[in-house]
Amino acid sequence: MNQNKTIVVLGAGIAGVTTAIGLKKLGFNVKIFYKPRPFISYEGFSEKTKDGLISSSCIRASQLITEQSMRNSNWANNSKNVNYEYVVCRANLDEALLEDAKDNGIELIEARVIGSIDYSEEKPKVIYKIDEDKLQVYADFVVDARGRFTPFKDEYINGPKSFSLLQELEMDSFSQNRTSIDSTIDGWIWQAYVGNKKGYIQFTCDEELAVKINDFDELLEILKEQKADFWSLQNAKPVGKIVKRDSYSKIHKEIINTKMILIGDSASSVDPLSGNGAFQAMSMSSIAPYVINTIINKNEIEQKVAINFYKSRVQFIFDKFSKVGKEFYLLEKRYTSDFWQKRQSWPNEKISDVENLPRIEEKAIVNEQYVLAQDVVVTKNNPMGVWCYGKIEVVELAKYCIENKLEKSLDYFDEFCKKNDVSMGLYNSLKRWCIEQEILN
């Protein structure tokens, strides 16, 4: 059914490639249009990022997440080794992701997309250039995963405007790889030693300060005014030019319609301080193929269910990690510059819907290959709703327990688990969850 449908994916980062592979598994003809990253950058990843790549069939990319770096935090007058992270050169990761896409039978086209995508006709039209040749392709659907390089600059709701200054370094040799995150008077800095006398710094500050910094020497002058241990800069030399890029939280006003979808940083991006960029991207790409499949193959009512499901999921993830970033900023009490005041007061607290919880409500779920409307149980920790626990459908169980007193609910819980042949381990886990979510109450 889907083999005659062409999906064009713009961008070959984590969001683009994992979405493309998911679409390919659903039988679509998938083409990725990409341009190599124009600068060198390094990024710290967690174990859950590696697991996400493996589950998305990005095996080559996951194999780069192998060498741990001790991560030190110097924040709010506290210094401690907090955990480990995997530091990876994004150019190497991008190359591995392209190989993963090839391994999954996806067509790769290195090209520059020209202008905006034309959505005025029945099928979206993408115009692109390879060398000097100007070409075009029609698609049944477009996935925009160009990250912070999307051309939709005026179509986002933004948080305080942060910019990050990125600089690759040649350093003295250290005995082991290491990273640190340090709060400073006018921002914060991430420092990394990645082995072989290579290092990297990322200084994040307000836009007003970032525009004053155009090279490494100017960055050093600004850092002299900051209070931090710049261990990465001892006897360090810059490699290449400094790179300046936006790094503030933002979410697109539309995100999705019947012809296109935004994925990853194209849809929404959070302050890198939250440390959840890759996880956020894969949270979208894990559901996007099913959303697209529903839009292409189902009726208008079901399409709206899928579109609203995706919008609400992206908004939920954005709100969640924006709050995480704010909580980190609020820990720092020493500095009172505009940088800190703006980020300690954004986002505004949202009024949470805590009344009548837990409750049964119709929401959207992913079932088989589509997004469908389905009754779910909404709880204090699961505002998007839960349909299954493990592989057990729990709505019927939750509905009974919510409507009945505890003694009857406990008897019904035992009957339910026996009827569904629930193992003792899952029985205990499910019961504990029902108590924590006040389903058994």
Protein backbone atom coordinates (compact mmCIF):
# COMPACT_ATOMS: atom_id res chain seq x y z
CA MET A 1 0.00 0.00 0.00
CA ASN A 2 2.77 2.45 0.92
CA GLN A 3 5.44 1.39 -1.56
CA ASN A 4 4.08 3.82 -4.16
CA LYS A 5 4.08 6.74 -1.71
CA THR A 6 7.19 8.93 -1.55
CA ILE A 7 8.21 10.71 1.63
CA VAL A 8 10.92 13.38 1.42
CA VAL A 9 12.94 13.94 4.60
CA LEU A 10 14.94 17.15 4.85
CA GLY A 11 17.94 16.71 7.14
CA ALA A 12 19.99 13.71 8.19
CA GLY A 13 20.58 14.23 11.88
CA ILE A 14 19.19 12.00 14.60
CA ALA A 15 15.60 13.19 14.10
CA GLY A 16 15.66 12.89 10.31
CA VAL A 17 17.32 9.49 10.03
CA THR A 18 15.35 7.77 12.81
CA THR A 19 12.09 9.08 11.33
CA ALA A 20 13.13 7.96 7.84
CA ILE A 21 13.94 4.45 9.05
CA GLY A 22 10.58 4.25 10.83
CA LEU A 23 8.81 5.28 7.62
CA LYS A 24 10.80 2.77 5.57
CA LYS A 25 9.68 0.00 7.94
CA LEU A 26 6.09 0.99 7.18
CA GLY A 27 6.77 0.40 3.47
CA PHE A 28 7.20 3.98 2.23
CA ASN A 29 9.64 5.05 -0.46
CA VAL A 30 11.86 7.44 1.53
CA LYS A 31 14.38 9.98 0.22
CA ILE A 32 16.65 11.99 2.54
CA PHE A 33 17.97 15.34 1.30
CA TYR A 34 20.91 16.60 3.32
CA LYS A 35 23.95 18.84 3.44
CA PRO A 36 27.01 18.05 5.59
CA ARG A 37 27.25 19.98 8.86
CA PRO A 38 29.25 23.15 8.07
CA PHE A 39 31.23 23.19 11.33
CA ILE A 40 32.80 20.86 13.89
CA SER A 41 30.91 20.34 17.14
CA TYR A 42 30.89 17.86 19.98
CA GLU A 43 27.94 16.76 22.06
CA GLY A 44 27.44 14.80 25.24
CA PHE A 45 24.98 11.90 25.13
CA SER A 46 23.46 9.65 27.76
CA GLU A 47 22.91 5.90 27.87
CA LYS A 48 19.24 6.40 26.94
CA THR A 49 20.33 8.08 23.69
CA LYS A 50 22.39 5.02 22.82
CA ASP A 51 19.44 2.74 23.63
CA GLY A 52 17.16 4.92 21.51
CA LEU A 53 19.50 4.70 18.52
CA ILE A 54 19.69 0.92 18.81
CA SER A 55 15.90 0.57 19.01
CA SER A 56 15.64 2.83 15.92
CA SER A 57 18.02 0.54 13.97
CA CYS A 58 20.83 3.13 13.98
CA ILE A 59 23.43 0.55 14.93
CA ARG A 60 26.47 2.29 13.44
CA ALA A 61 25.61 5.56 15.20
CA SER A 62 25.09 3.77 18.51
CA GLN A 63 28.54 2.20 18.24
CA LEU A 64 30.13 5.67 18.48
CA ILE A 65 28.62 6.13 21.94
CA THR A 66 31.20 4.01 23.72
CA GLU A 67 33.81 6.07 25.60
CA GLN A 68 32.60 7.68 28.82
CA SER A 69 33.83 11.03 30.10
CA MET A 70 33.65 11.98 33.78
CA ARG A 71 31.25 14.92 34.04
CA ASN A 72 31.98 17.57 36.66
CA SER A 73 29.42 20.19 37.66
CA ASN A 74 30.49 23.56 39.07
CA TRP A 75 27.11 25.15 39.59
CA ALA A 76 25.57 27.34 42.28
CA ASN A 77 28.76 27.30 44.34
CA ASN A 78 28.77 23.48 44.39
CA SER A 79 31.44 21.39 42.72
CA LYS A 80 30.99 17.66 42.25
CA ASN A 81 31.40 14.76 39.86
CA VAL A 82 27.79 14.15 38.89
CA ASN A 83 27.93 11.31 36.36
CA TYR A 84 29.40 10.23 33.06
CA GLU A 85 28.48 11.23 29.54
CA TYR A 86 29.48 10.03 26.10
CA VAL A 87 31.09 12.83 24.07
CA VAL A 88 30.85 12.36 20.30
CA CYS A 89 31.98 14.47 17.36
CA ARG A 90 28.79 15.32 15.49
CA ALA A 91 30.50 15.01 12.09
CA ASN A 92 31.34 11.38 12.89
CA LEU A 93 27.82 10.77 14.19
CA ASP A 94 26.30 12.33 11.06
CA GLU A 95 28.40 10.05 8.85
CA ALA A 96 27.35 6.97 10.85
CA LEU A 97 23.68 7.99 10.64
CA LEU A 98 23.96 8.23 6.85
CA GLU A 99 25.40 4.72 6.77
CA ASP A 100 22.52 3.52 8.96
CA ALA A 101 20.07 5.08 6.53
CA LYS A 102 21.77 3.27 3.64
CA ASP A 103 21.70 0.00 5.56
CA ASN A 104 17.93 0.41 5.86
CA GLY A 105 17.44 0.95 2.13
CA ILE A 106 16.87 4.72 2.18
CA GLU A 107 17.90 6.86 -0.78
CA LEU A 108 20.33 9.65 0.14
CA ILE A 109 20.62 12.85 -1.91
CA GLU A 110 23.30 15.39 -1.02
CA ALA A 111 21.78 18.65 -2.20
CA ARG A 112 20.84 22.16 -1.16
CA VAL A 113 17.10 22.76 -0.89
CA ILE A 114 16.20 26.10 -2.49
CA GLY A 115 13.64 28.38 -0.91
CA SER A 116 10.52 27.21 0.83
CA ILE A 117 8.69 23.99 0.05
CA ASP A 118 5.79 24.62 -2.35
CA TYR A 119 2.60 23.29 -0.74
CA SER A 120 0.19 25.02 -3.13
CA GLU A 121 -0.31 21.97 -5.36
CA GLU A 122 -1.84 18.61 -4.47
CA LYS A 123 1.61 17.23 -3.69
CA PRO A 124 4.41 19.19 -2.02
CA LYS A 125 7.21 20.23 -4.39
CA VAL A 126 10.84 20.38 -3.28
CA ILE A 127 13.29 22.36 -5.43
CA TYR A 128 16.97 21.60 -4.90
CA LYS A 129 20.42 22.05 -6.41
CA ILE A 130 23.19 19.53 -6.96
CA ASP A 131 26.28 21.47 -8.05
CA GLU A 132 24.78 23.89 -10.59
CA ASP A 133 21.87 21.68 -11.63
CA LYS A 134 18.46 22.84 -10.42
CA LEU A 135 16.03 19.96 -9.91
CA GLN A 136 12.66 19.27 -8.35
CA VAL A 137 10.79 16.36 -6.80
CA TYR A 138 7.16 15.87 -5.80
CA ALA A 139 6.37 14.03 -2.59
CA ASP A 140 3.31 12.62 -0.91
CA PHE A 141 4.55 14.11 2.35
CA VAL A 142 7.51 16.16 3.63
CA VAL A 143 9.38 15.69 6.90
CA ASP A 144 11.40 18.76 7.86
CA ALA A 145 14.23 17.76 10.19
CA ARG A 146 16.69 20.56 9.43
CA GLY A 147 17.01 21.43 13.10
CA ARG A 148 17.84 24.98 14.06
CA PHE A 149 18.68 25.69 10.39
CA THR A 150 15.04 25.64 9.24
CA PRO A 151 13.93 28.74 7.31
CA PHE A 152 10.93 29.35 9.61
CA LYS A 153 12.64 31.98 11.77
CA ASP A 154 9.52 34.08 12.43
CA GLU A 155 7.18 31.16 13.05
CA TYR A 156 8.29 30.17 16.55
CA ILE A 157 7.33 31.02 20.10
CA ASN A 158 10.64 31.72 21.82
CA GLY A 159 12.15 31.74 25.29
CA PRO A 160 14.96 34.15 26.27
CA LYS A 161 17.37 34.40 23.34
CA SER A 162 20.56 32.50 24.16
CA PHE A 163 23.41 32.00 21.73
CA SER A 164 26.22 29.48 22.02
CA LEU A 165 29.79 30.13 20.90
CA LEU A 166 31.51 26.91 19.86
CA GLN A 167 35.26 26.47 19.59
CA GLU A 168 37.34 23.40 18.85
CA LEU A 169 40.69 23.38 20.70
CA GLU A 170 44.15 21.89 20.57
CA MET A 171 45.02 21.13 24.21
CA ASP A 172 47.63 19.57 26.43
CA SER A 173 47.12 15.85 26.94
CA PHE A 174 44.99 14.64 29.87
CA SER A 175 45.08 11.17 31.40
CA GLN A 176 41.38 10.60 30.68
CA ASN A 177 38.49 12.20 28.87
CA ARG A 178 36.51 14.64 30.94
CA THR A 179 33.83 17.32 30.73
CA SER A 180 32.52 20.04 33.01
CA ILE A 181 29.62 22.46 33.12
CA ASP A 182 30.27 25.75 34.90
CA SER A 183 27.90 28.59 35.71
CA THR A 184 29.43 32.04 35.14
CA ILE A 185 28.38 35.67 35.65
CA ASP A 186 26.91 36.08 32.16
CA GLY A 187 26.04 32.53 31.18
CA TRP A 188 27.49 29.03 31.41
CA ILE A 189 30.23 27.05 29.73
CA TRP A 190 30.60 23.39 28.76
CA GLN A 191 34.20 22.21 28.48
CA ALA A 192 35.37 18.89 27.11
CA TYR A 193 38.61 17.01 26.59
CA VAL A 194 37.96 14.27 24.01
CA GLY A 195 41.38 12.63 23.73
CA ASN A 196 44.34 12.98 21.34
CA LYS A 197 44.97 16.54 22.58
CA LYS A 198 41.58 17.64 21.28
CA GLY A 199 39.16 19.77 23.25
CA TYR A 200 36.01 21.80 22.87
CA ILE A 201 34.19 24.62 24.61
CA GLN A 202 30.65 25.93 24.33
CA PHE A 203 29.92 29.26 25.98
CA THR A 204 26.21 30.11 26.20
CA CYS A 205 25.16 33.70 26.86
CA ASP A 206 22.58 36.35 25.98
CA GLU A 207 22.25 37.44 22.35
CA GLU A 208 23.40 40.96 23.32
CA LEU A 209 26.74 39.60 24.53
CA ALA A 210 27.15 37.02 21.76
CA VAL A 211 27.05 39.67 18.99
CA LYS A 212 30.18 41.25 20.49
CA ILE A 213 32.22 38.05 20.08
CA ASN A 214 33.53 37.26 16.60
CA ASP A 215 36.75 35.34 17.20
CA PHE A 216 38.64 33.33 19.81
CA ASP A 217 40.56 36.32 21.19
CA GLU A 218 37.34 38.24 21.79
CA LEU A 219 35.89 35.19 23.51
CA LEU A 220 38.93 35.01 25.80
CA GLU A 221 38.48 38.66 26.77
CA ILE A 222 34.86 38.03 27.74
CA LEU A 223 35.75 34.87 29.69
CA LYS A 224 38.30 36.82 31.74
CA GLU A 225 35.33 38.64 33.29
CA GLN A 226 33.58 35.38 34.20
CA LYS A 227 34.16 33.44 37.40
CA ALA A 228 35.02 29.84 36.51
CA ASP A 229 37.89 27.38 36.24
CA PHE A 230 38.59 27.41 32.51
CA TRP A 231 40.78 24.32 32.65
CA SER A 232 40.25 23.60 28.95
CA LEU A 233 41.91 26.89 27.98
CA GLN A 234 45.24 26.28 29.75
CA ASN A 235 47.84 26.36 26.94
CA ALA A 236 45.05 25.79 24.44
CA LYS A 237 45.04 26.92 20.81
CA PRO A 238 41.92 27.41 18.68
CA VAL A 239 41.30 25.02 15.81
CA GLY A 240 39.33 26.68 13.04
CA LYS A 241 36.97 29.61 13.48
CA ILE A 242 34.55 30.20 16.31
CA VAL A 243 30.97 29.19 15.50
CA LYS A 244 27.98 31.17 16.73
CA ARG A 245 24.52 29.61 16.78
CA ASP A 246 21.22 30.14 18.54
CA SER A 247 20.50 27.79 21.43
CA TYR A 248 17.31 29.14 22.97
CA SER A 249 14.06 27.30 23.63
CA LYS A 250 11.46 27.60 20.89
CA ILE A 251 8.44 25.79 19.54
CA HIS A 252 6.88 26.15 16.11
CA LYS A 253 3.38 27.59 15.97
CA GLU A 254 1.98 24.95 13.59
CA ILE A 255 4.33 21.90 13.68
CA ILE A 256 2.19 19.68 11.44
CA ASN A 257 -0.53 19.64 8.76
CA THR A 258 -1.74 17.17 6.14
CA LYS A 259 1.29 17.72 3.91
CA MET A 260 4.24 18.22 6.24
CA ILE A 261 5.59 17.60 9.72
CA LEU A 262 8.43 19.16 11.71
CA ILE A 263 10.68 16.81 13.70
CA GLY A 264 13.35 17.42 16.32
CA ASP A 265 14.72 20.94 16.67
CA SER A 266 12.66 22.00 13.64
CA ALA A 267 9.51 21.41 15.69
CA SER A 268 10.80 22.48 19.09
CA SER A 269 14.12 22.84 20.80
CA VAL A 270 15.01 23.40 24.42
CA ASP A 271 17.92 25.06 26.16
CA PRO A 272 20.91 22.69 25.85
CA LEU A 273 21.34 23.04 29.62
CA SER A 274 18.49 20.53 30.02
CA GLY A 275 20.68 17.93 28.27
CA ASN A 276 17.73 16.32 26.52
CA GLY A 277 18.03 17.40 22.88
CA ALA A 278 18.63 13.94 21.42
CA PHE A 279 16.04 12.32 23.68
CA GLN A 280 13.52 15.00 22.67
CA ALA A 281 14.22 14.36 18.98
CA MET A 282 13.71 10.61 19.33
CA SER A 283 10.56 11.11 21.40
CA MET A 284 9.13 12.75 18.26
CA SER A 285 10.66 10.41 15.69
CA SER A 286 9.37 7.35 17.56
CA ILE A 287 5.75 8.38 16.88
CA ALA A 288 6.04 10.49 13.72
CA PRO A 289 6.00 7.56 11.22
CA TYR A 290 2.65 6.36 12.63
CA VAL A 291 1.25 9.88 12.55
CA ILE A 292 2.29 10.25 8.89
CA ASN A 293 0.92 6.79 8.03
CA THR A 294 -2.43 7.82 9.50
CA ILE A 295 -2.50 11.14 7.64
CA ILE A 296 -1.74 9.48 4.29
CA ASN A 297 -4.00 6.44 4.60
CA LYS A 298 -6.95 7.35 6.86
CA ASN A 299 -9.99 9.64 6.62
CA GLU A 300 -10.19 13.29 7.66
CA ILE A 301 -11.46 12.58 11.18
CA GLU A 302 -8.65 10.12 11.88
CA GLN A 303 -6.15 12.54 10.35
CA LYS A 304 -7.21 15.21 12.86
CA VAL A 305 -6.77 12.74 15.71
CA ALA A 306 -3.21 12.03 14.55
CA ILE A 307 -2.35 15.70 14.02
CA ASN A 308 -3.66 16.73 17.44
CA PHE A 309 -1.86 13.77 19.03
CA TYR A 310 1.48 14.88 17.58
CA LYS A 311 0.96 18.54 18.47
CA SER A 312 0.06 17.72 22.07
CA ARG A 313 3.02 15.33 22.40
CA VAL A 314 5.50 17.92 21.11
CA GLN A 315 4.02 20.58 23.39
CA PHE A 316 4.19 18.24 26.38
CA ILE A 317 7.86 17.40 25.75
CA PHE A 318 8.69 21.08 25.22
CA ASP A 319 6.96 22.15 28.44
CA LYS A 320 8.57 19.33 30.41
CA PHE A 321 12.17 20.05 29.41
CA SER A 322 11.74 23.84 29.47
CA LYS A 323 10.77 23.41 33.11
CA VAL A 324 13.85 21.22 33.70
CA GLY A 325 16.04 24.00 32.30
CA LYS A 326 14.38 26.62 34.50
CA GLU A 327 14.92 24.46 37.59
CA PHE A 328 18.66 24.30 36.82
CA TYR A 329 18.85 28.07 36.40
CA LEU A 330 16.99 28.64 39.67
CA LEU A 331 19.70 26.72 41.56
CA GLU A 332 22.18 29.51 40.85
CA LYS A 333 21.76 32.27 43.46
CA ARG A 334 25.11 34.09 43.15
CA TYR A 335 24.53 35.97 39.93
CA THR A 336 21.91 38.62 39.18
CA SER A 337 22.74 39.58 35.59
CA ASP A 338 20.00 39.83 32.97
CA PHE A 339 21.03 36.40 31.67
CA TRP A 340 20.11 34.71 34.94
CA GLN A 341 17.03 36.79 35.74
CA LYS A 342 15.44 36.09 32.34
CA ARG A 343 15.95 32.34 32.54
CA GLN A 344 14.93 32.02 36.16
CA SER A 345 11.55 33.55 35.31
CA TRP A 346 10.82 31.62 32.08
CA PRO A 347 8.63 29.76 31.32
CA ASN A 348 5.70 30.95 33.37
CA GLU A 349 4.16 28.25 35.52
CA LYS A 350 1.22 26.55 33.84
CA ILE A 351 -1.87 25.65 35.80
CA SER A 352 -1.90 21.87 35.83
CA ASP A 353 -5.11 19.93 35.53
CA VAL A 354 -4.94 18.03 38.80
CA GLU A 355 -8.66 17.86 39.46
CA ASN A 356 -10.52 14.62 39.03
CA LEU A 357 -7.39 12.48 38.76
CA PRO A 358 -7.05 9.70 37.94
CA ARG A 359 -9.74 9.62 35.25
CA ILE A 360 -10.66 7.83 32.04
CA GLU A 361 -10.53 10.04 28.96
CA GLU A 362 -10.50 9.56 25.20
CA LYS A 363 -7.12 10.47 23.75
CA ALA A 364 -4.95 9.21 20.90
CA ILE A 365 -2.65 6.20 21.03
CA VAL A 366 -0.31 4.38 18.65
CA ASN A 367 -1.79 0.98 17.87
CA GLU A 368 -0.22 -1.29 15.27
CA GLN A 369 0.74 1.10 12.45
CA TYR A 370 -1.66 3.98 13.07
CA VAL A 371 -2.72 6.63 15.57
CA LEU A 372 -6.23 5.95 16.86
CA ALA A 373 -8.64 7.50 19.35
CA GLN A 374 -8.84 5.32 22.45
CA ASP A 375 -9.89 5.52 26.09
CA VAL A 376 -6.84 5.92 28.35
CA VAL A 377 -6.27 6.45 32.06
CA VAL A 378 -4.92 9.93 32.85
CA THR A 379 -2.92 10.18 36.09
CA LYS A 380 -0.84 12.79 37.89
CA ASN A 381 2.37 11.39 36.40
CA ASN A 382 0.89 10.43 33.02
CA PRO A 383 -1.00 13.47 31.69
CA MET A 384 -0.85 12.11 28.13
CA GLY A 385 -2.68 8.99 29.30
CA VAL A 386 -1.80 5.31 29.64
CA TRP A 387 -3.37 2.55 27.61
CA CYS A 388 -1.03 -0.35 28.36
CA TYR A 389 1.25 -1.23 31.25
CA GLY A 390 3.89 -3.50 29.85
CA LYS A 391 1.79 -5.32 27.25
CA ILE A 392 -1.34 -5.43 29.41
CA GLU A 393 -4.28 -3.14 28.52
CA VAL A 394 -5.17 -1.46 31.81
CA VAL A 395 -8.06 0.91 31.01
CA GLU A 396 -10.73 -1.61 32.05
CA LEU A 397 -8.85 -2.30 35.28
CA ALA A 398 -8.35 1.39 36.05
CA LYS A 399 -11.98 2.26 35.31
CA TYR A 400 -13.25 -0.36 37.76
CA CYS A 401 -10.80 0.65 40.50
CA ILE A 402 -11.60 4.36 40.13
CA GLU A 403 -15.34 3.72 40.39
CA ASN A 404 -15.22 1.29 43.34
CA LYS A 405 -13.98 1.17 46.90
CA LEU A 406 -10.55 -0.18 47.74
CA GLU A 407 -11.62 -3.60 49.04
CA LYS A 408 -13.60 -4.45 45.90
CA SER A 409 -10.85 -2.94 43.73
CA LEU A 410 -8.18 -5.15 45.29
CA ASP A 411 -10.26 -8.27 44.64
CA TYR A 412 -10.88 -7.17 41.06
CA PHE A 413 -7.16 -6.43 40.60
CA ASP A 414 -6.30 -10.02 41.56
CA GLU A 415 -9.00 -11.41 39.24
CA PHE A 416 -7.80 -9.18 36.38
CA CYS A 417 -4.18 -10.29 36.75
CA LYS A 418 -5.16 -13.95 36.95
CA LYS A 419 -7.36 -13.67 33.86
CA ASN A 420 -4.53 -12.02 31.92
CA ASP A 421 -1.91 -14.52 33.14
CA VAL A 422 0.21 -11.72 34.65
CA SER A 423 3.57 -12.86 36.06
CA MET A 424 4.36 -12.21 39.72
CA GLY A 425 6.98 -9.62 38.80
CA LEU A 426 4.56 -7.69 36.59
CA TYR A 427 1.79 -8.16 39.18
CA ASN A 428 3.88 -6.42 41.84
CA SER A 429 5.03 -3.67 39.48
CA LEU A 430 1.50 -2.97 38.21
CA LYS A 431 0.06 -2.92 41.72
CA ARG A 432 2.73 -0.51 42.90
CA TRP A 433 2.01 1.76 39.93
CA CYS A 434 -1.75 1.69 40.58
CA ILE A 435 -1.16 2.70 44.20
CA GLU A 436 1.30 5.48 43.27
CA GLN A 437 -1.14 6.87 40.69
CA GLU A 438 -4.01 6.60 43.20
CA ILE A 439 -5.95 4.20 41.00
CA LEU A 440 -5.97 1.84 43.95
CA ASN A 441 -6.96 4.28 46.67
